[in-house]
PDB file of N, CA and C in Angstrom:
ATOM      1  N   MET A   1    -112.235  59.564-189.159  1.00  0.00           N
ATOM      2  CA  MET A   1    -111.467  59.094-188.453  1.00  0.00           C
ATOM      3  C   MET A   1    -112.040  59.194-187.022  1.00  0.00           C
ATOM      4  N   THR A   2    -112.056  58.335-185.879  1.00  0.00           N
ATOM      5  CA  THR A   2    -112.895  58.288-184.830  1.00  0.00           C
ATOM      6  C   THR A   2    -111.853  58.947-183.739  1.00  0.00           C
ATOM      7  N   ARG A   3    -112.343  60.149-183.301  1.00  0.00           N
ATOM      8  CA  ARG A   3    -111.415  60.416-181.965  1.00  0.00           C
ATOM      9  C   ARG A   3    -112.117  60.545-180.610  1.00  0.00           C
ATOM     10  N   THR A   4    -111.197  60.196-179.620  1.00  0.00           N
ATOM     11  CA  THR A   4    -111.413  59.934-178.302  1.00  0.00           C
ATOM     12  C   THR A   4    -112.053  61.346-177.614  1.00  0.00           C
ATOM     13  N   PRO A   5    -112.946  61.242-176.848  1.00  0.00           N
ATOM     14  CA  PRO A   5    -113.287  62.365-176.220  1.00  0.00           C
ATOM     15  C   PRO A   5    -112.082  63.322-175.483  1.00  0.00           C
ATOM     16  N   GLY A   6    -111.909  64.531-175.709  1.00  0.00           N
ATOM     17  CA  GLY A   6    -110.812  65.322-175.263  1.00  0.00           C
ATOM     18  C   GLY A   6    -109.597  65.299-175.914  1.00  0.00           C
ATOM     19  N   TRP A   7    -109.676  64.883-177.505  1.00  0.00           N
ATOM     20  CA  TRP A   7    -108.210  64.859-178.303  1.00  0.00           C
ATOM     21  C   TRP A   7    -108.071  66.272-178.468  1.00  0.00           C
ATOM     22  N   ASP A   8    -108.974  67.031-178.659  1.00  0.00           N
ATOM     23  CA  ASP A   8    -108.724  68.626-179.192  1.00  0.00           C
ATOM     24  C   ASP A   8    -108.291  69.201-177.962  1.00  0.00           C
ATOM     25  N   ALA A   9    -108.610  69.089-176.625  1.00  0.00           N
ATOM     26  CA  ALA A   9    -107.917  69.968-175.631  1.00  0.00           C
ATOM     27  C   ALA A   9    -106.701  69.223-175.387  1.00  0.00           C
ATOM     28  N   ALA A  10    -106.385  67.954-175.846  1.00  0.00           N
ATOM     29  CA  ALA A  10    -105.230  67.397-175.401  1.00  0.00           C
ATOM     30  C   ALA A  10    -104.106  67.683-176.274  1.00  0.00           C
ATOM     31  N   ALA A  11    -104.627  67.983-177.816  1.00  0.00           N
ATOM     32  CA  ALA A  11    -103.575  68.526-178.658  1.00  0.00           C
ATOM     33  C   ALA A  11    -103.404  69.963-178.579  1.00  0.00           C
ATOM     34  N   ILE A  12    -104.248  70.656-178.414  1.00  0.00           N
ATOM     35  CA  ILE A  12    -103.758  72.234-177.976  1.00  0.00           C
ATOM     36  C   ILE A  12    -102.689  72.433-176.925  1.00  0.00           C
ATOM     37  N   SER A  13    -103.130  71.406-175.884  1.00  0.00           N
ATOM     38  CA  SER A  13    -102.444  71.636-174.463  1.00  0.00           C
ATOM     39  C   SER A  13    -100.776  71.117-174.955  1.00  0.00           C
ATOM     40  N   ARG A  14    -100.354  70.295-175.548  1.00  0.00           N
ATOM     41  CA  ARG A  14     -99.415  69.620-176.162  1.00  0.00           C
ATOM     42  C   ARG A  14     -98.606  70.815-177.186  1.00  0.00           C
ATOM     43  N   ILE A  15     -99.142  71.036-177.896  1.00  0.00           N
ATOM     44  CA  ILE A  15     -98.792  72.095-178.897  1.00  0.00           C
ATOM     45  C   ILE A  15     -98.281  73.374-177.950  1.00  0.00           C
ATOM     46  N   ALA A  16     -99.028  73.881-177.356  1.00  0.00           N
ATOM     47  CA  ALA A  16     -98.811  75.233-176.303  1.00  0.00           C
ATOM     48  C   ALA A  16     -97.743  75.009-175.715  1.00  0.00           C
ATOM     49  N   THR A  17     -97.323  73.861-174.970  1.00  0.00           N
ATOM     50  CA  THR A  17     -96.489  73.568-174.206  1.00  0.00           C
ATOM     51  C   THR A  17     -95.336  73.445-175.450  1.00  0.00           C
ATOM     52  N   GLU A  18     -95.443  72.465-176.288  1.00  0.00           N
ATOM     53  CA  GLU A  18     -93.929  72.317-176.921  1.00  0.00           C
ATOM     54  C   GLU A  18     -93.508  73.368-177.967  1.00  0.00           C
ATOM     55  N   HIS A  19     -94.525  74.145-178.196  1.00  0.00           N
ATOM     56  CA  HIS A  19     -94.366  75.458-179.388  1.00  0.00           C
ATOM     57  C   HIS A  19     -94.056  76.723-178.422  1.00  0.00           C
ATOM     58  N   TYR A  20     -94.756  76.914-177.624  1.00  0.00           N
ATOM     59  CA  TYR A  20     -95.118  78.112-177.156  1.00  0.00           C
ATOM     60  C   TYR A  20     -94.775  78.505-175.612  1.00  0.00           C
ATOM     61  N   GLY A  21     -94.373  77.247-175.118  1.00  0.00           N
ATOM     62  CA  GLY A  21     -93.983  77.351-173.602  1.00  0.00           C
ATOM     63  C   GLY A  21     -95.082  77.438-172.719  1.00  0.00           C
ATOM     64  N   GLY A  22     -96.370  76.924-173.219  1.00  0.00           N
ATOM     65  CA  GLY A  22     -97.519  77.088-172.196  1.00  0.00           C
ATOM     66  C   GLY A  22     -98.772  77.647-172.865  1.00  0.00           C
ATOM     67  N   LEU A  23     -99.711  77.632-172.185  1.00  0.00           N
ATOM     68  CA  LEU A  23    -101.151  78.221-172.711  1.00  0.00           C
ATOM     69  C   LEU A  23    -100.904  79.545-172.744  1.00  0.00           C
ATOM     70  N   LEU A  24    -100.678  79.926-171.583  1.00  0.00           N
ATOM     71  CA  LEU A  24    -100.536  81.536-171.347  1.00  0.00           C
ATOM     72  C   LEU A  24     -99.943  82.465-172.800  1.00  0.00           C
ATOM     73  N   GLU A  25     -98.644  81.585-172.798  1.00  0.00           N
ATOM     74  CA  GLU A  25     -97.823  82.288-173.809  1.00  0.00           C
ATOM     75  C   GLU A  25     -98.475  81.960-175.166  1.00  0.00           C
ATOM     76  N   MET A  26     -99.243  80.802-175.202  1.00  0.00           N
ATOM     77  CA  MET A  26     -99.979  80.878-176.649  1.00  0.00           C
ATOM     78  C   MET A  26    -100.855  81.979-176.999  1.00  0.00           C
ATOM     79  N   PHE A  27    -101.706  82.168-175.825  1.00  0.00           N
ATOM     80  CA  PHE A  27    -102.477  83.245-175.987  1.00  0.00           C
ATOM     81  C   PHE A  27    -101.803  84.616-176.147  1.00  0.00           C
ATOM     82  N   GLU A  28    -100.749  84.852-175.294  1.00  0.00           N
ATOM     83  CA  GLU A  28    -100.044  86.065-175.493  1.00  0.00           C
ATOM     84  C   GLU A  28     -99.487  86.095-176.892  1.00  0.00           C
ATOM     85  N   HIS A  29     -99.119  85.134-177.448  1.00  0.00           N
ATOM     86  CA  HIS A  29     -98.337  84.966-179.068  1.00  0.00           C
ATOM     87  C   HIS A  29     -99.382  85.313-179.973  1.00  0.00           C
ATOM     88  N   PHE A  30    -100.692  85.107-179.680  1.00  0.00           N
ATOM     89  CA  PHE A  30    -101.762  85.398-181.069  1.00  0.00           C
ATOM     90  C   PHE A  30    -102.346  86.418-180.634  1.00  0.00           C
ATOM     91  N   GLU A  31    -101.990  87.092-179.364  1.00  0.00           N
ATOM     92  CA  GLU A  31    -102.834  88.234-178.887  1.00  0.00           C
ATOM     93  C   GLU A  31    -104.185  88.066-178.743  1.00  0.00           C
ATOM     94  N   TRP A  32    -104.503  86.798-177.989  1.00  0.00           N
ATOM     95  CA  TRP A  32    -105.965  86.494-178.033  1.00  0.00           C
ATOM     96  C   TRP A  32    -106.296  87.028-176.471  1.00  0.00           C
ATOM     97  N   PRO A  33    -107.641  87.818-176.233  1.00  0.00           N
ATOM     98  CA  PRO A  33    -107.474  88.629-174.851  1.00  0.00           C
ATOM     99  C   PRO A  33    -107.900  87.675-173.634  1.00  0.00           C
ATOM    100  N   GLU A  34    -108.444  86.407-173.816  1.00  0.00           N
ATOM    101  CA  GLU A  34    -108.564  85.792-172.466  1.00  0.00           C
ATOM    102  C   GLU A  34    -107.466  85.334-171.555  1.00  0.00           C
ATOM    103  N   ARG A  35    -107.628  85.634-170.043  1.00  0.00           N
ATOM    104  CA  ARG A  35    -106.627  85.267-169.448  1.00  0.00           C
ATOM    105  C   ARG A  35    -107.359  84.470-168.065  1.00  0.00           C
ATOM    106  N   GLY A  36    -106.568  83.609-167.636  1.00  0.00           N
ATOM    107  CA  GLY A  36    -106.795  82.908-166.272  1.00  0.00           C
ATOM    108  C   GLY A  36    -107.997  81.710-166.978  1.00  0.00           C
ATOM    109  N   ALA A  37    -109.013  81.728-166.043  1.00  0.00           N
ATOM    110  CA  ALA A  37    -109.991  80.418-166.411  1.00  0.00           C
ATOM    111  C   ALA A  37    -110.693  80.737-167.302  1.00  0.00           C
ATOM    112  N   ALA A  38    -110.956  81.679-168.002  1.00  0.00           N
ATOM    113  CA  ALA A  38    -111.228  82.015-169.478  1.00  0.00           C
ATOM    114  C   ALA A  38    -110.835  81.394-170.480  1.00  0.00           C
ATOM    115  N   MET A  39    -109.379  81.016-170.326  1.00  0.00           N
ATOM    116  CA  MET A  39    -108.650  80.514-171.381  1.00  0.00           C
ATOM    117  C   MET A  39    -108.832  79.140-171.820  1.00  0.00           C
ATOM    118  N   MET A  40    -109.235  78.489-170.925  1.00  0.00           N
ATOM    119  CA  MET A  40    -109.686  77.089-171.279  1.00  0.00           C
ATOM    120  C   MET A  40    -110.797  76.814-172.197  1.00  0.00           C
ATOM    121  N   PRO A  41    -112.049  77.690-171.765  1.00  0.00           N
ATOM    122  CA  PRO A  41    -113.145  77.220-172.260  1.00  0.00           C
ATOM    123  C   PRO A  41    -112.920  78.188-174.052  1.00  0.00           C
ATOM    124  N   ALA A  42    -112.147  78.929-173.910  1.00  0.00           N
ATOM    125  CA  ALA A  42    -111.914  79.777-175.303  1.00  0.00           C
ATOM    126  C   ALA A  42    -111.110  78.969-176.366  1.00  0.00           C
ATOM    127  N   GLN A  43    -110.161  78.348-175.763  1.00  0.00           N
ATOM    128  CA  GLN A  43    -109.264  77.773-176.668  1.00  0.00           C
ATOM    129  C   GLN A  43    -109.369  77.311-177.747  1.00  0.00           C
ATOM    130  N   GLY A  44    -110.383  76.197-178.044  1.00  0.00           N
ATOM    131  CA  GLY A  44    -110.757  75.099-179.248  1.00  0.00           C
ATOM    132  C   GLY A  44    -111.408  76.579-180.192  1.00  0.00           C
ATOM    133  N   ARG A  45    -112.380  77.723-179.696  1.00  0.00           N
ATOM    134  CA  ARG A  45    -112.742  78.669-180.589  1.00  0.00           C
ATOM    135  C   ARG A  45    -111.491  79.492-180.963  1.00  0.00           C
ATOM    136  N   ARG A  46    -110.415  79.789-180.544  1.00  0.00           N
ATOM    137  CA  ARG A  46    -109.450  80.408-180.789  1.00  0.00           C
ATOM    138  C   ARG A  46    -108.655  79.940-181.683  1.00  0.00           C
ATOM    139  N   VAL A  47    -108.275  78.495-181.480  1.00  0.00           N
ATOM    140  CA  VAL A  47    -107.721  78.013-182.508  1.00  0.00           C
ATOM    141  C   VAL A  47    -108.188  77.629-183.829  1.00  0.00           C
ATOM    142  N   CYS A  48    -109.397  77.533-183.707  1.00  0.00           N
ATOM    143  CA  CYS A  48    -110.315  77.650-185.080  1.00  0.00           C
ATOM    144  C   CYS A  48    -110.562  78.780-185.970  1.00  0.00           C
ATOM    145  N   GLU A  49    -110.650  79.669-185.068  1.00  0.00           N
ATOM    146  CA  GLU A  49    -110.560  80.825-185.539  1.00  0.00           C
ATOM    147  C   GLU A  49    -109.243  81.400-186.415  1.00  0.00           C
ATOM    148  N   GLN A  50    -108.332  80.879-185.894  1.00  0.00           N
ATOM    149  CA  GLN A  50    -106.969  81.087-186.415  1.00  0.00           C
ATOM    150  C   GLN A  50    -106.177  80.254-187.248  1.00  0.00           C
ATOM    151  N   PHE A  51    -106.709  79.099-187.107  1.00  0.00           N
ATOM    152  CA  PHE A  51    -106.089  77.846-188.128  1.00  0.00           C
ATOM    153  C   PHE A  51    -107.012  77.413-188.963  1.00  0.00           C
ATOM    154  N   GLY A  52    -108.554  77.335-188.799  1.00  0.00           N
ATOM    155  CA  GLY A  52    -109.550  76.894-189.501  1.00  0.00           C
ATOM    156  C   GLY A  52    -110.115  75.681-188.838  1.00  0.00           C
ATOM    157  N   SER A  53    -109.260  74.713-187.993  1.00  0.00           N
ATOM    158  CA  SER A  53    -109.637  73.644-187.366  1.00  0.00           C
ATOM    159  C   SER A  53    -108.642  73.019-186.419  1.00  0.00           C
ATOM    160  N   ILE A  54    -108.946  72.464-185.776  1.00  0.00           N
ATOM    161  CA  ILE A  54    -107.893  72.055-184.727  1.00  0.00           C
ATOM    162  C   ILE A  54    -107.134  71.090-185.448  1.00  0.00           C
ATOM    163  N   GLU A  55    -107.649  70.352-186.360  1.00  0.00           N
ATOM    164  CA  GLU A  55    -106.672  69.327-187.031  1.00  0.00           C
ATOM    165  C   GLU A  55    -105.650  70.159-187.919  1.00  0.00           C
ATOM    166  N   GLN A  56    -106.114  71.283-188.495  1.00  0.00           N
ATOM    167  CA  GLN A  56    -105.133  72.164-189.131  1.00  0.00           C
ATOM    168  C   GLN A  56    -104.322  72.413-188.176  1.00  0.00           C
ATOM    169  N   PHE A  57    -104.432  72.886-187.047  1.00  0.00           N
ATOM    170  CA  PHE A  57    -103.674  73.543-186.564  1.00  0.00           C
ATOM    171  C   PHE A  57    -102.570  72.110-185.789  1.00  0.00           C
ATOM    172  N   VAL A  58    -102.845  71.235-185.527  1.00  0.00           N
ATOM    173  CA  VAL A  58    -102.214  70.250-185.147  1.00  0.00           C
ATOM    174  C   VAL A  58    -100.948  69.883-186.383  1.00  0.00           C
ATOM    175  N   ARG A  59    -101.566  69.911-187.425  1.00  0.00           N
ATOM    176  CA  ARG A  59    -100.785  69.542-188.831  1.00  0.00           C
ATOM    177  C   ARG A  59     -99.767  70.450-189.170  1.00  0.00           C
ATOM    178  N   PHE A  60     -99.937  71.968-188.759  1.00  0.00           N
ATOM    179  CA  PHE A  60     -99.327  72.957-189.060  1.00  0.00           C
ATOM    180  C   PHE A  60     -98.056  72.837-187.974  1.00  0.00           C
ATOM    181  N   HIS A  61     -98.475  72.766-186.702  1.00  0.00           N
ATOM    182  CA  HIS A  61     -97.138  72.288-185.893  1.00  0.00           C
ATOM    183  C   HIS A  61     -96.787  71.217-185.687  1.00  0.00           C
ATOM    184  N   ASP A  62     -97.402  70.056-186.220  1.00  0.00           N
ATOM    185  CA  ASP A  62     -96.472  68.856-186.217  1.00  0.00           C
ATOM    186  C   ASP A  62     -95.621  68.656-187.233  1.00  0.00           C
ATOM    187  N   ASN A  63     -96.050  69.372-188.756  1.00  0.00           N
ATOM    188  CA  ASN A  63     -95.125  69.361-189.882  1.00  0.00           C
ATOM    189  C   ASN A  63     -94.431  70.478-190.446  1.00  0.00           C
ATOM    190  N   SER A  64     -94.038  71.469-189.271  1.00  0.00           N
ATOM    191  CA  SER A  64     -93.061  72.252-189.441  1.00  0.00           C
ATOM    192  C   SER A  64     -92.264  72.414-188.384  1.00  0.00           C
ATOM    193  N   ASP A  65     -91.444  73.494-188.123  1.00  0.00           N
ATOM    194  CA  ASP A  65     -90.531  74.091-187.336  1.00  0.00           C
ATOM    195  C   ASP A  65     -91.373  74.969-186.692  1.00  0.00           C
ATOM    196  N   ALA A  66     -92.518  75.229-186.976  1.00  0.00           N
ATOM    197  CA  ALA A  66     -93.030  76.580-186.217  1.00  0.00           C
ATOM    198  C   ALA A  66     -92.889  76.558-184.921  1.00  0.00           C
ATOM    199  N   GLN A  67     -92.026  77.738-184.660  1.00  0.00           N
ATOM    200  CA  GLN A  67     -91.724  78.141-183.034  1.00  0.00           C
ATOM    201  C   GLN A  67     -92.253  79.652-183.350  1.00  0.00           C
ATOM    202  N   ARG A  68     -91.995  80.133-181.670  1.00  0.00           N
ATOM    203  CA  ARG A  68     -92.335  81.550-181.270  1.00  0.00           C
ATOM    204  C   ARG A  68     -91.667  82.631-182.516  1.00  0.00           C
TER     205      ARG A  68
END
């Protein structure tokens, strides 16, 4: 499947907002240490470490009632 540039960051942002209340809240939920400007460049790496891939992160949240 072909993805447009930035699809991953857009998906993470959407899910962070819908399921956790925002990016900071998602980082706090998973106890990831980055804060402020360091969160944006770390988000993809942290999601992949936690879920295996961005696709799995999206699938998990879109196919469940995963909430905080």
